[in-house]
Amino acid sequence: MNPMWVGVIGASIALFILRYSGYLVPEKFLTNPRMLRINMLIPIALLSALVGVQTLTSKGKWVLDQRLAGVIVALIALRLKAPYFVVVISAAITSAVIYRIK
């Protein structure tokens, strides 16, 4: 058997065991207010990390370019409670204009 298939099958078994073990956790631990708050904040932290890495790095090196300006404009639009469409379009236009000028 190819080593790649051994890895795929092993990872599949490990993932199945991990997912199945989630059903064995008692409900009182899952309804704990602290756990509910942590579960609510995990996606926000992961998305923030993804935006930060994709904005500030390129090929493993730090880069400050038009993407940072787009994120800053998006943050300002969000702070002003602009609709999602306005946030995305304003960030895209800002990035495109700065890229074109460069």
PDB file of N, CA and C in Angstrom:
ATOM      1  N   MET A   1       0.849  -1.185   0.000  1.00  0.00           N
ATOM      2  CA  MET A   1       0.000   0.000   0.000  1.00  0.00           C
ATOM      3  C   MET A   1       0.892   1.245   0.000  1.00  0.00           C
ATOM      4  N   ASN A   2       0.514   2.209  -0.774  1.00  0.00           N
ATOM      5  CA  ASN A   2       1.235   3.468  -0.906  1.00  0.00           C
ATOM      6  C   ASN A   2       1.220   4.217   0.439  1.00  0.00           C
ATOM      7  N   PRO A   3       2.352   4.822   0.853  1.00  0.00           N
ATOM      8  CA  PRO A   3       2.371   5.570   2.128  1.00  0.00           C
ATOM      9  C   PRO A   3       1.341   6.699   2.182  1.00  0.00           C
ATOM     10  N   MET A   4       1.024   7.277   1.039  1.00  0.00           N
ATOM     11  CA  MET A   4       0.025   8.342   1.031  1.00  0.00           C
ATOM     12  C   MET A   4      -1.335   7.805   1.468  1.00  0.00           C
ATOM     13  N   TRP A   5      -1.698   6.616   1.001  1.00  0.00           N
ATOM     14  CA  TRP A   5      -2.975   6.035   1.379  1.00  0.00           C
ATOM     15  C   TRP A   5      -3.000   5.656   2.848  1.00  0.00           C
ATOM     16  N   VAL A   6      -1.883   5.221   3.381  1.00  0.00           N
ATOM     17  CA  VAL A   6      -1.808   4.922   4.806  1.00  0.00           C
ATOM     18  C   VAL A   6      -2.088   6.193   5.604  1.00  0.00           C
ATOM     19  N   GLY A   7      -1.510   7.316   5.161  1.00  0.00           N
ATOM     20  CA  GLY A   7      -1.758   8.597   5.818  1.00  0.00           C
ATOM     21  C   GLY A   7      -3.202   9.038   5.706  1.00  0.00           C
ATOM     22  N   VAL A   8      -3.807   8.867   4.527  1.00  0.00           N
ATOM     23  CA  VAL A   8      -5.201   9.267   4.321  1.00  0.00           C
ATOM     24  C   VAL A   8      -6.129   8.425   5.192  1.00  0.00           C
ATOM     25  N   ILE A   9      -5.908   7.120   5.202  1.00  0.00           N
ATOM     26  CA  ILE A   9      -6.762   6.239   6.008  1.00  0.00           C
ATOM     27  C   ILE A   9      -6.546   6.504   7.498  1.00  0.00           C
ATOM     28  N   GLY A  10      -5.306   6.690   7.903  1.00  0.00           N
ATOM     29  CA  GLY A  10      -5.028   6.993   9.308  1.00  0.00           C
ATOM     30  C   GLY A  10      -5.654   8.299   9.745  1.00  0.00           C
ATOM     31  N   ALA A  11      -5.555   9.324   8.907  1.00  0.00           N
ATOM     32  CA  ALA A  11      -6.165  10.613   9.234  1.00  0.00           C
ATOM     33  C   ALA A  11      -7.687  10.501   9.286  1.00  0.00           C
ATOM     34  N   SER A  12      -8.264   9.701   8.398  1.00  0.00           N
ATOM     35  CA  SER A  12      -9.716   9.510   8.400  1.00  0.00           C
ATOM     36  C   SER A  12     -10.180   8.826   9.678  1.00  0.00           C
ATOM     37  N   ILE A  13      -9.451   7.806  10.106  1.00  0.00           N
ATOM     38  CA  ILE A  13      -9.808   7.110  11.346  1.00  0.00           C
ATOM     39  C   ILE A  13      -9.671   8.047  12.545  1.00  0.00           C
ATOM     40  N   ALA A  14      -8.575   8.814  12.579  1.00  0.00           N
ATOM     41  CA  ALA A  14      -8.366   9.750  13.691  1.00  0.00           C
ATOM     42  C   ALA A  14      -9.470  10.800  13.723  1.00  0.00           C
ATOM     43  N   LEU A  15      -9.860  11.310  12.570  1.00  0.00           N
ATOM     44  CA  LEU A  15     -10.922  12.312  12.514  1.00  0.00           C
ATOM     45  C   LEU A  15     -12.255  11.724  12.951  1.00  0.00           C
ATOM     46  N   PHE A  16     -12.538  10.492  12.531  1.00  0.00           N
ATOM     47  CA  PHE A  16     -13.786   9.849  12.945  1.00  0.00           C
ATOM     48  C   PHE A  16     -13.830   9.701  14.461  1.00  0.00           C
ATOM     49  N   ILE A  17     -12.737   9.257  15.062  1.00  0.00           N
ATOM     50  CA  ILE A  17     -12.689   9.089  16.514  1.00  0.00           C
ATOM     51  C   ILE A  17     -12.862  10.434  17.219  1.00  0.00           C
ATOM     52  N   LEU A  18     -12.205  11.466  16.691  1.00  0.00           N
ATOM     53  CA  LEU A  18     -12.330  12.800  17.287  1.00  0.00           C
ATOM     54  C   LEU A  18     -13.766  13.305  17.202  1.00  0.00           C
ATOM     55  N   ARG A  19     -14.385  13.158  16.036  1.00  0.00           N
ATOM     56  CA  ARG A  19     -15.767  13.625  15.862  1.00  0.00           C
ATOM     57  C   ARG A  19     -16.737  12.828  16.725  1.00  0.00           C
ATOM     58  N   TYR A  20     -16.529  11.518  16.802  1.00  0.00           N
ATOM     59  CA  TYR A  20     -17.419  10.678  17.600  1.00  0.00           C
ATOM     60  C   TYR A  20     -17.286  10.991  19.082  1.00  0.00           C
ATOM     61  N   SER A  21     -16.081  11.324  19.517  1.00  0.00           N
ATOM     62  CA  SER A  21     -15.883  11.628  20.933  1.00  0.00           C
ATOM     63  C   SER A  21     -16.640  12.890  21.346  1.00  0.00           C
ATOM     64  N   GLY A  22     -16.964  13.739  20.413  1.00  0.00           N
ATOM     65  CA  GLY A  22     -17.751  14.930  20.707  1.00  0.00           C
ATOM     66  C   GLY A  22     -19.143  14.598  21.191  1.00  0.00           C
ATOM     67  N   TYR A  23     -19.696  13.490  20.732  1.00  0.00           N
ATOM     68  CA  TYR A  23     -21.029  13.072  21.174  1.00  0.00           C
ATOM     69  C   TYR A  23     -21.008  12.503  22.584  1.00  0.00           C
ATOM     70  N   LEU A  24     -19.831  12.158  23.081  1.00  0.00           N
ATOM     71  CA  LEU A  24     -19.725  11.570  24.404  1.00  0.00           C
ATOM     72  C   LEU A  24     -19.601  12.622  25.510  1.00  0.00           C
ATOM     73  N   VAL A  25     -19.439  13.894  25.142  1.00  0.00           N
ATOM     74  CA  VAL A  25     -19.316  14.964  26.131  1.00  0.00           C
ATOM     75  C   VAL A  25     -20.689  15.220  26.751  1.00  0.00           C
ATOM     76  N   PRO A  26     -20.785  15.239  28.078  1.00  0.00           N
ATOM     77  CA  PRO A  26     -22.087  15.494  28.723  1.00  0.00           C
ATOM     78  C   PRO A  26     -22.630  16.876  28.363  1.00  0.00           C
ATOM     79  N   GLU A  27     -23.947  16.972  28.301  1.00  0.00           N
ATOM     80  CA  GLU A  27     -24.595  18.217  27.868  1.00  0.00           C
ATOM     81  C   GLU A  27     -24.348  19.370  28.831  1.00  0.00           C
ATOM     82  N   LYS A  28     -24.140  19.071  30.115  1.00  0.00           N
ATOM     83  CA  LYS A  28     -23.936  20.161  31.072  1.00  0.00           C
ATOM     84  C   LYS A  28     -22.660  20.947  30.776  1.00  0.00           C
ATOM     85  N   PHE A  29     -21.659  20.292  30.158  1.00  0.00           N
ATOM     86  CA  PHE A  29     -20.442  21.014  29.785  1.00  0.00           C
ATOM     87  C   PHE A  29     -20.681  21.913  28.573  1.00  0.00           C
ATOM     88  N   LEU A  30     -21.565  21.498  27.684  1.00  0.00           N
ATOM     89  CA  LEU A  30     -21.817  22.266  26.468  1.00  0.00           C
ATOM     90  C   LEU A  30     -22.747  23.442  26.698  1.00  0.00           C
ATOM     91  N   THR A  31     -23.575  23.385  27.742  1.00  0.00           N
ATOM     92  CA  THR A  31     -24.504  24.484  28.023  1.00  0.00           C
ATOM     93  C   THR A  31     -23.956  25.454  29.063  1.00  0.00           C
ATOM     94  N   ASN A  32     -22.740  25.250  29.477  1.00  0.00           N
ATOM     95  CA  ASN A  32     -22.074  26.149  30.410  1.00  0.00           C
ATOM     96  C   ASN A  32     -21.921  27.520  29.734  1.00  0.00           C
ATOM     97  N   PRO A  33     -22.301  28.627  30.381  1.00  0.00           N
ATOM     98  CA  PRO A  33     -22.207  29.951  29.759  1.00  0.00           C
ATOM     99  C   PRO A  33     -20.792  30.298  29.278  1.00  0.00           C
ATOM    100  N   ARG A  34     -19.796  29.870  30.036  1.00  0.00           N
ATOM    101  CA  ARG A  34     -18.417  30.151  29.622  1.00  0.00           C
ATOM    102  C   ARG A  34     -18.081  29.422  28.321  1.00  0.00           C
ATOM    103  N   MET A  35     -18.497  28.165  28.213  1.00  0.00           N
ATOM    104  CA  MET A  35     -18.234  27.383  27.004  1.00  0.00           C
ATOM    105  C   MET A  35     -18.996  27.949  25.813  1.00  0.00           C
ATOM    106  N   LEU A  36     -20.214  28.397  26.042  1.00  0.00           N
ATOM    107  CA  LEU A  36     -20.995  28.999  24.957  1.00  0.00           C
ATOM    108  C   LEU A  36     -20.318  30.269  24.444  1.00  0.00           C
ATOM    109  N   ARG A  37     -19.782  31.063  25.347  1.00  0.00           N
ATOM    110  CA  ARG A  37     -19.089  32.299  24.933  1.00  0.00           C
ATOM    111  C   ARG A  37     -17.824  31.963  24.157  1.00  0.00           C
ATOM    112  N   ILE A  38     -17.067  30.970  24.611  1.00  0.00           N
ATOM    113  CA  ILE A  38     -15.851  30.565  23.894  1.00  0.00           C
ATOM    114  C   ILE A  38     -16.203  30.074  22.498  1.00  0.00           C
ATOM    115  N   ASN A  39     -17.240  29.250  22.388  1.00  0.00           N
ATOM    116  CA  ASN A  39     -17.649  28.735  21.084  1.00  0.00           C
ATOM    117  C   ASN A  39     -18.137  29.838  20.156  1.00  0.00           C
ATOM    118  N   MET A  40     -18.677  30.906  20.737  1.00  0.00           N
ATOM    119  CA  MET A  40     -19.141  32.021  19.919  1.00  0.00           C
ATOM    120  C   MET A  40     -17.954  32.843  19.388  1.00  0.00           C
ATOM    121  N   LEU A  41     -16.866  32.914  20.137  1.00  0.00           N
ATOM    122  CA  LEU A  41     -15.734  33.755  19.757  1.00  0.00           C
ATOM    123  C   LEU A  41     -14.701  33.051  18.874  1.00  0.00           C
ATOM    124  N   ILE A  42     -14.698  31.736  18.835  1.00  0.00           N
ATOM    125  CA  ILE A  42     -13.697  31.005  18.038  1.00  0.00           C
ATOM    126  C   ILE A  42     -13.765  31.369  16.551  1.00  0.00           C
ATOM    127  N   PRO A  43     -14.943  31.378  15.899  1.00  0.00           N
ATOM    128  CA  PRO A  43     -14.966  31.749  14.480  1.00  0.00           C
ATOM    129  C   PRO A  43     -14.473  33.174  14.224  1.00  0.00           C
ATOM    130  N   ILE A  44     -14.762  34.084  15.147  1.00  0.00           N
ATOM    131  CA  ILE A  44     -14.314  35.464  14.983  1.00  0.00           C
ATOM    132  C   ILE A  44     -12.795  35.530  15.038  1.00  0.00           C
ATOM    133  N   ALA A  45     -12.198  34.816  15.977  1.00  0.00           N
ATOM    134  CA  ALA A  45     -10.740  34.814  16.100  1.00  0.00           C
ATOM    135  C   ALA A  45     -10.082  34.178  14.878  1.00  0.00           C
ATOM    136  N   LEU A  46     -10.647  33.082  14.379  1.00  0.00           N
ATOM    137  CA  LEU A  46     -10.066  32.418  13.216  1.00  0.00           C
ATOM    138  C   LEU A  46     -10.172  33.289  11.965  1.00  0.00           C
ATOM    139  N   LEU A  47     -11.316  33.935  11.776  1.00  0.00           N
ATOM    140  CA  LEU A  47     -11.483  34.808  10.611  1.00  0.00           C
ATOM    141  C   LEU A  47     -10.569  36.024  10.700  1.00  0.00           C
ATOM    142  N   SER A  48     -10.409  36.567  11.881  1.00  0.00           N
ATOM    143  CA  SER A  48      -9.510  37.708  12.061  1.00  0.00           C
ATOM    144  C   SER A  48      -8.068  37.320  11.753  1.00  0.00           C
ATOM    145  N   ALA A  49      -7.663  36.149  12.207  1.00  0.00           N
ATOM    146  CA  ALA A  49      -6.307  35.674  11.919  1.00  0.00           C
ATOM    147  C   ALA A  49      -6.116  35.468  10.424  1.00  0.00           C
ATOM    148  N   LEU A  50      -7.115  34.917   9.751  1.00  0.00           N
ATOM    149  CA  LEU A  50      -7.021  34.696   8.302  1.00  0.00           C
ATOM    150  C   LEU A  50      -6.904  36.014   7.554  1.00  0.00           C
ATOM    151  N   VAL A  51      -7.717  36.995   7.931  1.00  0.00           N
ATOM    152  CA  VAL A  51      -7.646  38.306   7.277  1.00  0.00           C
ATOM    153  C   VAL A  51      -6.284  38.949   7.521  1.00  0.00           C
ATOM    154  N   GLY A  52      -5.789  38.848   8.741  1.00  0.00           N
ATOM    155  CA  GLY A  52      -4.481  39.424   9.050  1.00  0.00           C
ATOM    156  C   GLY A  52      -3.356  38.789   8.249  1.00  0.00           C
ATOM    157  N   VAL A  53      -3.351  37.476   8.170  1.00  0.00           N
ATOM    158  CA  VAL A  53      -2.289  36.782   7.423  1.00  0.00           C
ATOM    159  C   VAL A  53      -2.392  37.084   5.930  1.00  0.00           C
ATOM    160  N   GLN A  54      -3.598  37.052   5.387  1.00  0.00           N
ATOM    161  CA  GLN A  54      -3.765  37.304   3.958  1.00  0.00           C
ATOM    162  C   GLN A  54      -3.508  38.763   3.586  1.00  0.00           C
ATOM    163  N   THR A  55      -3.670  39.671   4.534  1.00  0.00           N
ATOM    164  CA  THR A  55      -3.469  41.091   4.253  1.00  0.00           C
ATOM    165  C   THR A  55      -2.013  41.500   4.378  1.00  0.00           C
ATOM    166  N   LEU A  56      -1.324  40.973   5.359  1.00  0.00           N
ATOM    167  CA  LEU A  56       0.009  41.478   5.692  1.00  0.00           C
ATOM    168  C   LEU A  56       1.163  40.605   5.215  1.00  0.00           C
ATOM    169  N   THR A  57       0.894  39.445   4.608  1.00  0.00           N
ATOM    170  CA  THR A  57       1.988  38.593   4.153  1.00  0.00           C
ATOM    171  C   THR A  57       1.789  38.167   2.706  1.00  0.00           C
ATOM    172  N   SER A  58       2.899  37.891   2.063  1.00  0.00           N
ATOM    173  CA  SER A  58       2.892  37.351   0.713  1.00  0.00           C
ATOM    174  C   SER A  58       4.114  36.453   0.571  1.00  0.00           C
ATOM    175  N   LYS A  59       3.888  35.186   0.279  1.00  0.00           N
ATOM    176  CA  LYS A  59       4.962  34.198   0.152  1.00  0.00           C
ATOM    177  C   LYS A  59       5.824  34.125   1.407  1.00  0.00           C
ATOM    178  N   GLY A  60       5.182  34.237   2.562  1.00  0.00           N
ATOM    179  CA  GLY A  60       5.879  34.100   3.832  1.00  0.00           C
ATOM    180  C   GLY A  60       6.639  35.324   4.298  1.00  0.00           C
ATOM    181  N   LYS A  61       6.503  36.444   3.603  1.00  0.00           N
ATOM    182  CA  LYS A  61       7.196  37.670   3.995  1.00  0.00           C
ATOM    183  C   LYS A  61       6.177  38.770   4.254  1.00  0.00           C
ATOM    184  N   TRP A  62       6.547  39.684   5.150  1.00  0.00           N
ATOM    185  CA  TRP A  62       5.692  40.816   5.467  1.00  0.00           C
ATOM    186  C   TRP A  62       5.615  41.753   4.277  1.00  0.00           C
ATOM    187  N   VAL A  63       4.400  42.196   3.929  1.00  0.00           N
ATOM    188  CA  VAL A  63       4.192  43.098   2.804  1.00  0.00           C
ATOM    189  C   VAL A  63       3.130  44.117   3.192  1.00  0.00           C
ATOM    190  N   LEU A  64       3.434  45.378   2.963  1.00  0.00           N
ATOM    191  CA  LEU A  64       2.434  46.432   3.144  1.00  0.00           C
ATOM    192  C   LEU A  64       2.098  46.971   1.763  1.00  0.00           C
ATOM    193  N   ASP A  65       0.897  46.693   1.299  1.00  0.00           N
ATOM    194  CA  ASP A  65       0.499  47.130  -0.035  1.00  0.00           C
ATOM    195  C   ASP A  65      -0.971  47.543  -0.026  1.00  0.00           C
ATOM    196  N   GLN A  66      -1.606  47.517  -1.183  1.00  0.00           N
ATOM    197  CA  GLN A  66      -2.973  48.006  -1.329  1.00  0.00           C
ATOM    198  C   GLN A  66      -3.985  47.206  -0.518  1.00  0.00           C
ATOM    199  N   ARG A  67      -3.682  45.966  -0.194  1.00  0.00           N
ATOM    200  CA  ARG A  67      -4.617  45.153   0.583  1.00  0.00           C
ATOM    201  C   ARG A  67      -4.848  45.738   1.975  1.00  0.00           C
ATOM    202  N   LEU A  68      -3.788  46.264   2.559  1.00  0.00           N
ATOM    203  CA  LEU A  68      -3.919  46.871   3.890  1.00  0.00           C
ATOM    204  C   LEU A  68      -4.825  48.101   3.836  1.00  0.00           C
ATOM    205  N   ALA A  69      -4.685  48.891   2.791  1.00  0.00           N
ATOM    206  CA  ALA A  69      -5.551  50.064   2.634  1.00  0.00           C
ATOM    207  C   ALA A  69      -7.009  49.644   2.482  1.00  0.00           C
ATOM    208  N   GLY A  70      -7.258  48.567   1.741  1.00  0.00           N
ATOM    209  CA  GLY A  70      -8.622  48.067   1.583  1.00  0.00           C
ATOM    210  C   GLY A  70      -9.219  47.608   2.900  1.00  0.00           C
ATOM    211  N   VAL A  71      -8.424  46.921   3.710  1.00  0.00           N
ATOM    212  CA  VAL A  71      -8.913  46.465   5.013  1.00  0.00           C
ATOM    213  C   VAL A  71      -9.181  47.656   5.930  1.00  0.00           C
ATOM    214  N   ILE A  72      -8.329  48.660   5.889  1.00  0.00           N
ATOM    215  CA  ILE A  72      -8.542  49.853   6.719  1.00  0.00           C
ATOM    216  C   ILE A  72      -9.836  50.562   6.325  1.00  0.00           C
ATOM    217  N   VAL A  73     -10.070  50.702   5.020  1.00  0.00           N
ATOM    218  CA  VAL A  73     -11.317  51.333   4.555  1.00  0.00           C
ATOM    219  C   VAL A  73     -12.521  50.484   4.970  1.00  0.00           C
ATOM    220  N   ALA A  74     -12.402  49.170   4.890  1.00  0.00           N
ATOM    221  CA  ALA A  74     -13.495  48.295   5.311  1.00  0.00           C
ATOM    222  C   ALA A  74     -13.772  48.448   6.805  1.00  0.00           C
ATOM    223  N   LEU A  75     -12.722  48.552   7.605  1.00  0.00           N
ATOM    224  CA  LEU A  75     -12.903  48.743   9.044  1.00  0.00           C
ATOM    225  C   LEU A  75     -13.590  50.071   9.349  1.00  0.00           C
ATOM    226  N   ILE A  76     -13.208  51.109   8.612  1.00  0.00           N
ATOM    227  CA  ILE A  76     -13.859  52.407   8.804  1.00  0.00           C
ATOM    228  C   ILE A  76     -15.334  52.321   8.424  1.00  0.00           C
ATOM    229  N   ALA A  77     -15.629  51.659   7.305  1.00  0.00           N
ATOM    230  CA  ALA A  77     -17.031  51.508   6.884  1.00  0.00           C
ATOM    231  C   ALA A  77     -17.828  50.694   7.909  1.00  0.00           C
ATOM    232  N   LEU A  78     -17.202  49.655   8.457  1.00  0.00           N
ATOM    233  CA  LEU A  78     -17.892  48.876   9.487  1.00  0.00           C
ATOM    234  C   LEU A  78     -18.134  49.699  10.740  1.00  0.00           C
ATOM    235  N   ARG A  79     -17.164  50.525  11.082  1.00  0.00           N
ATOM    236  CA  ARG A  79     -17.305  51.385  12.261  1.00  0.00           C
ATOM    237  C   ARG A  79     -18.454  52.382  12.079  1.00  0.00           C
ATOM    238  N   LEU A  80     -18.658  52.809  10.829  1.00  0.00           N
ATOM    239  CA  LEU A  80     -19.754  53.735  10.523  1.00  0.00           C
ATOM    240  C   LEU A  80     -21.076  53.004  10.294  1.00  0.00           C
ATOM    241  N   LYS A  81     -21.082  51.668  10.519  1.00  0.00           N
ATOM    242  CA  LYS A  81     -22.263  50.823  10.387  1.00  0.00           C
ATOM    243  C   LYS A  81     -22.824  50.829   8.972  1.00  0.00           C
ATOM    244  N   ALA A  82     -21.931  50.798   7.995  1.00  0.00           N
ATOM    245  CA  ALA A  82     -22.344  50.733   6.595  1.00  0.00           C
ATOM    246  C   ALA A  82     -22.844  49.316   6.284  1.00  0.00           C
ATOM    247  N   PRO A  83     -23.731  49.180   5.301  1.00  0.00           N
ATOM    248  CA  PRO A  83     -24.184  47.844   4.895  1.00  0.00           C
ATOM    249  C   PRO A  83     -23.019  47.014   4.339  1.00  0.00           C
ATOM    250  N   TYR A  84     -23.174  45.699   4.406  1.00  0.00           N
ATOM    251  CA  TYR A  84     -22.114  44.785   3.975  1.00  0.00           C
ATOM    252  C   TYR A  84     -21.663  45.080   2.534  1.00  0.00           C
ATOM    253  N   PHE A  85     -22.617  45.308   1.647  1.00  0.00           N
ATOM    254  CA  PHE A  85     -22.292  45.584   0.244  1.00  0.00           C
ATOM    255  C   PHE A  85     -21.398  46.825   0.129  1.00  0.00           C
ATOM    256  N   VAL A  86     -21.699  47.852   0.870  1.00  0.00           N
ATOM    257  CA  VAL A  86     -20.903  49.088   0.841  1.00  0.00           C
ATOM    258  C   VAL A  86     -19.497  48.820   1.386  1.00  0.00           C
ATOM    259  N   VAL A  87     -19.388  48.012   2.419  1.00  0.00           N
ATOM    260  CA  VAL A  87     -18.081  47.680   3.003  1.00  0.00           C
ATOM    261  C   VAL A  87     -17.210  46.978   1.976  1.00  0.00           C
ATOM    262  N   VAL A  88     -17.755  45.959   1.331  1.00  0.00           N
ATOM    263  CA  VAL A  88     -16.977  45.169   0.367  1.00  0.00           C
ATOM    264  C   VAL A  88     -16.600  45.998  -0.847  1.00  0.00           C
ATOM    265  N   ILE A  89     -17.544  46.744  -1.395  1.00  0.00           N
ATOM    266  CA  ILE A  89     -17.267  47.544  -2.602  1.00  0.00           C
ATOM    267  C   ILE A  89     -16.278  48.659  -2.303  1.00  0.00           C
ATOM    268  N   SER A  90     -16.411  49.316  -1.175  1.00  0.00           N
ATOM    269  CA  SER A  90     -15.472  50.401  -0.850  1.00  0.00           C
ATOM    270  C   SER A  90     -14.055  49.860  -0.647  1.00  0.00           C
ATOM    271  N   ALA A  91     -13.927  48.708  -0.009  1.00  0.00           N
ATOM    272  CA  ALA A  91     -12.603  48.101   0.174  1.00  0.00           C
ATOM    273  C   ALA A  91     -12.014  47.678  -1.170  1.00  0.00           C
ATOM    274  N   ALA A  92     -12.833  47.099  -2.033  1.00  0.00           N
ATOM    275  CA  ALA A  92     -12.350  46.661  -3.341  1.00  0.00           C
ATOM    276  C   ALA A  92     -11.925  47.845  -4.211  1.00  0.00           C
ATOM    277  N   ILE A  93     -12.719  48.898  -4.205  1.00  0.00           N
ATOM    278  CA  ILE A  93     -12.381  50.080  -5.006  1.00  0.00           C
ATOM    279  C   ILE A  93     -11.094  50.723  -4.489  1.00  0.00           C
ATOM    280  N   THR A  94     -10.956  50.827  -3.182  1.00  0.00           N
ATOM    281  CA  THR A  94      -9.740  51.408  -2.599  1.00  0.00           C
ATOM    282  C   THR A  94      -8.512  50.603  -2.995  1.00  0.00           C
ATOM    283  N   SER A  95      -8.596  49.289  -2.859  1.00  0.00           N
ATOM    284  CA  SER A  95      -7.462  48.429  -3.229  1.00  0.00           C
ATOM    285  C   SER A  95      -7.140  48.543  -4.712  1.00  0.00           C
ATOM    286  N   ALA A  96      -8.175  48.578  -5.548  1.00  0.00           N
ATOM    287  CA  ALA A  96      -7.955  48.654  -6.990  1.00  0.00           C
ATOM    288  C   ALA A  96      -7.317  49.983  -7.398  1.00  0.00           C
ATOM    289  N   VAL A  97      -7.777  51.075  -6.807  1.00  0.00           N
ATOM    290  CA  VAL A  97      -7.230  52.394  -7.146  1.00  0.00           C
ATOM    291  C   VAL A  97      -5.763  52.483  -6.735  1.00  0.00           C
ATOM    292  N   ILE A  98      -5.450  52.027  -5.536  1.00  0.00           N
ATOM    293  CA  ILE A  98      -4.051  52.094  -5.082  1.00  0.00           C
ATOM    294  C   ILE A  98      -3.176  51.161  -5.899  1.00  0.00           C
ATOM    295  N   TYR A  99      -3.690  49.998  -6.275  1.00  0.00           N
ATOM    296  CA  TYR A  99      -2.926  49.075  -7.120  1.00  0.00           C
ATOM    297  C   TYR A  99      -2.662  49.687  -8.474  1.00  0.00           C
ATOM    298  N   ARG A 100      -3.654  50.380  -9.013  1.00  0.00           N
ATOM    299  CA  ARG A 100      -3.523  50.998 -10.342  1.00  0.00           C
ATOM    300  C   ARG A 100      -2.517  52.154 -10.318  1.00  0.00           C
ATOM    301  N   ILE A 101      -2.524  52.926  -9.235  1.00  0.00           N
ATOM    302  CA  ILE A 101      -1.603  54.067  -9.102  1.00  0.00           C
ATOM    303  C   ILE A 101      -0.165  53.568  -8.979  1.00  0.00           C
ATOM    304  N   LYS A 102       0.006  52.487  -8.283  1.00  0.00           N
ATOM    305  CA  LYS A 102       1.338  51.938  -7.994  1.00  0.00           C
ATOM    306  C   LYS A 102       2.048  51.538  -9.208  1.00  0.00           C
TER     307      LYS A 102
END
